[in-house]
């Protein structure tokens, strides 16, 4: 991981049932639009990450990282 110089945000406190707070892509785009460059993904939030799959599959982790970066932020 390279150094991140700028603000990051912990997504757990914002998760909800309505957009943009209900999916990985929409909440990451929301954070990027606010000027954040990094996001912390809560491991217990299954709408954002399948932790079991992440533990077993590097391909899944690479895909997750790519989806987040496509929104304009990085996982911290």
C-alpha atoms as a PDB file:
ATOM      1  CA  UNK A   1       0.000   0.000   0.000  1.00  0.00           C
ATOM      2  CA  UNK A   2       1.309   3.405  -0.838  1.00  0.00           C
ATOM      3  CA  UNK A   3       1.081   6.336   1.538  1.00  0.00           C
ATOM      4  CA  UNK A   4      -2.182   8.216   1.541  1.00  0.00           C
ATOM      5  CA  UNK A   5      -1.878  11.951   2.042  1.00  0.00           C
ATOM      6  CA  UNK A   6      -5.287  13.352   2.690  1.00  0.00           C
ATOM      7  CA  UNK A   7      -8.508  12.659   4.518  1.00  0.00           C
ATOM      8  CA  UNK A   8     -10.079   9.236   4.948  1.00  0.00           C
ATOM      9  CA  UNK A   9     -13.424   8.239   6.431  1.00  0.00           C
ATOM     10  CA  UNK A  10     -14.760   5.215   8.349  1.00  0.00           C
ATOM     11  CA  UNK A  11     -17.858   4.108   6.459  1.00  0.00           C
ATOM     12  CA  UNK A  12     -19.634   2.232   9.292  1.00  0.00           C
ATOM     13  CA  UNK A  13     -21.117   5.352  10.837  1.00  0.00           C
ATOM     14  CA  UNK A  14     -22.845   6.275   7.570  1.00  0.00           C
ATOM     15  CA  UNK A  15     -24.244   2.919   6.395  1.00  0.00           C
ATOM     16  CA  UNK A  16     -28.002   2.860   5.957  1.00  0.00           C
ATOM     17  CA  UNK A  17     -30.861   1.527   3.888  1.00  0.00           C
ATOM     18  CA  UNK A  18     -31.087   4.454   1.471  1.00  0.00           C
ATOM     19  CA  UNK A  19     -28.709   5.571  -1.273  1.00  0.00           C
ATOM     20  CA  UNK A  20     -25.950   6.570  -1.255  1.00  0.00           C
ATOM     21  CA  UNK A  21     -25.367   4.757   2.018  1.00  0.00           C
ATOM     22  CA  UNK A  22     -26.507   1.259   1.057  1.00  0.00           C
ATOM     23  CA  UNK A  23     -23.856  -0.070  -1.346  1.00  0.00           C
ATOM     24  CA  UNK A  24     -20.100  -0.069  -1.755  1.00  0.00           C
ATOM     25  CA  UNK A  25     -19.995   1.890  -4.996  1.00  0.00           C
ATOM     26  CA  UNK A  26     -22.491   4.543  -3.995  1.00  0.00           C
ATOM     27  CA  UNK A  27     -20.983   5.259  -0.577  1.00  0.00           C
ATOM     28  CA  UNK A  28     -17.455   5.353  -2.048  1.00  0.00           C
ATOM     29  CA  UNK A  29     -18.570   7.810  -4.745  1.00  0.00           C
ATOM     30  CA  UNK A  30     -20.272   9.893  -2.042  1.00  0.00           C
ATOM     31  CA  UNK A  31     -17.038   9.966  -0.001  1.00  0.00           C
ATOM     32  CA  UNK A  32     -14.960  10.889  -3.062  1.00  0.00           C
ATOM     33  CA  UNK A  33     -17.374  13.694  -3.952  1.00  0.00           C
ATOM     34  CA  UNK A  34     -16.850  15.110  -0.449  1.00  0.00           C
ATOM     35  CA  UNK A  35     -13.079  15.202  -1.006  1.00  0.00           C
ATOM     36  CA  UNK A  36     -12.046  12.052   0.855  1.00  0.00           C
ATOM     37  CA  UNK A  37      -9.296  10.003  -0.721  1.00  0.00           C
ATOM     38  CA  UNK A  38      -9.485   6.962   1.544  1.00  0.00           C
ATOM     39  CA  UNK A  39     -12.194   4.786   3.069  1.00  0.00           C
ATOM     40  CA  UNK A  40     -12.118   2.308   5.919  1.00  0.00           C
ATOM     41  CA  UNK A  41     -14.470  -0.594   5.255  1.00  0.00           C
ATOM     42  CA  UNK A  42     -16.101  -2.146   8.340  1.00  0.00           C
ATOM     43  CA  UNK A  43     -15.497  -5.899   8.228  1.00  0.00           C
ATOM     44  CA  UNK A  44     -18.906  -6.718   9.730  1.00  0.00           C
ATOM     45  CA  UNK A  45     -20.893  -4.849   7.053  1.00  0.00           C
ATOM     46  CA  UNK A  46     -21.858  -7.533   4.520  1.00  0.00           C
ATOM     47  CA  UNK A  47     -23.223  -4.949   2.074  1.00  0.00           C
ATOM     48  CA  UNK A  48     -19.652  -3.743   1.630  1.00  0.00           C
ATOM     49  CA  UNK A  49     -17.480  -6.841   1.954  1.00  0.00           C
ATOM     50  CA  UNK A  50     -17.836 -10.617   2.131  1.00  0.00           C
ATOM     51  CA  UNK A  51     -15.217 -11.203   4.811  1.00  0.00           C
ATOM     52  CA  UNK A  52     -15.161 -14.990   4.403  1.00  0.00           C
ATOM     53  CA  UNK A  53     -14.620 -14.640   0.664  1.00  0.00           C
ATOM     54  CA  UNK A  54     -11.929 -12.013   1.246  1.00  0.00           C
ATOM     55  CA  UNK A  55     -10.101 -14.403   3.571  1.00  0.00           C
ATOM     56  CA  UNK A  56     -10.128 -17.119   0.922  1.00  0.00           C
ATOM     57  CA  UNK A  57      -9.675 -15.291  -2.391  1.00  0.00           C
ATOM     58  CA  UNK A  58      -7.015 -12.831  -3.486  1.00  0.00           C
ATOM     59  CA  UNK A  59      -8.981 -12.375  -6.716  1.00  0.00           C
ATOM     60  CA  UNK A  60     -11.999 -11.189  -4.701  1.00  0.00           C
ATOM     61  CA  UNK A  61      -9.788  -8.748  -2.770  1.00  0.00           C
ATOM     62  CA  UNK A  62      -8.266  -7.416  -5.989  1.00  0.00           C
ATOM     63  CA  UNK A  63     -11.749  -6.977  -7.496  1.00  0.00           C
ATOM     64  CA  UNK A  64     -12.979  -5.190  -4.349  1.00  0.00           C
ATOM     65  CA  UNK A  65      -9.954  -2.877  -4.424  1.00  0.00           C
ATOM     66  CA  UNK A  66     -10.595  -2.117  -8.096  1.00  0.00           C
ATOM     67  CA  UNK A  67     -14.270  -1.331  -7.484  1.00  0.00           C
ATOM     68  CA  UNK A  68     -13.348   1.102  -4.711  1.00  0.00           C
ATOM     69  CA  UNK A  69     -10.579   2.774  -6.717  1.00  0.00           C
ATOM     70  CA  UNK A  70     -12.945   3.184  -9.694  1.00  0.00           C
ATOM     71  CA  UNK A  71     -15.037   5.402  -7.408  1.00  0.00           C
ATOM     72  CA  UNK A  72     -12.074   7.698  -6.736  1.00  0.00           C
ATOM     73  CA  UNK A  73     -10.967   6.519  -3.279  1.00  0.00           C
ATOM     74  CA  UNK A  74      -8.615   3.913  -1.818  1.00  0.00           C
ATOM     75  CA  UNK A  75      -9.107   1.378   0.953  1.00  0.00           C
ATOM     76  CA  UNK A  76      -7.083   2.419   4.009  1.00  0.00           C
END
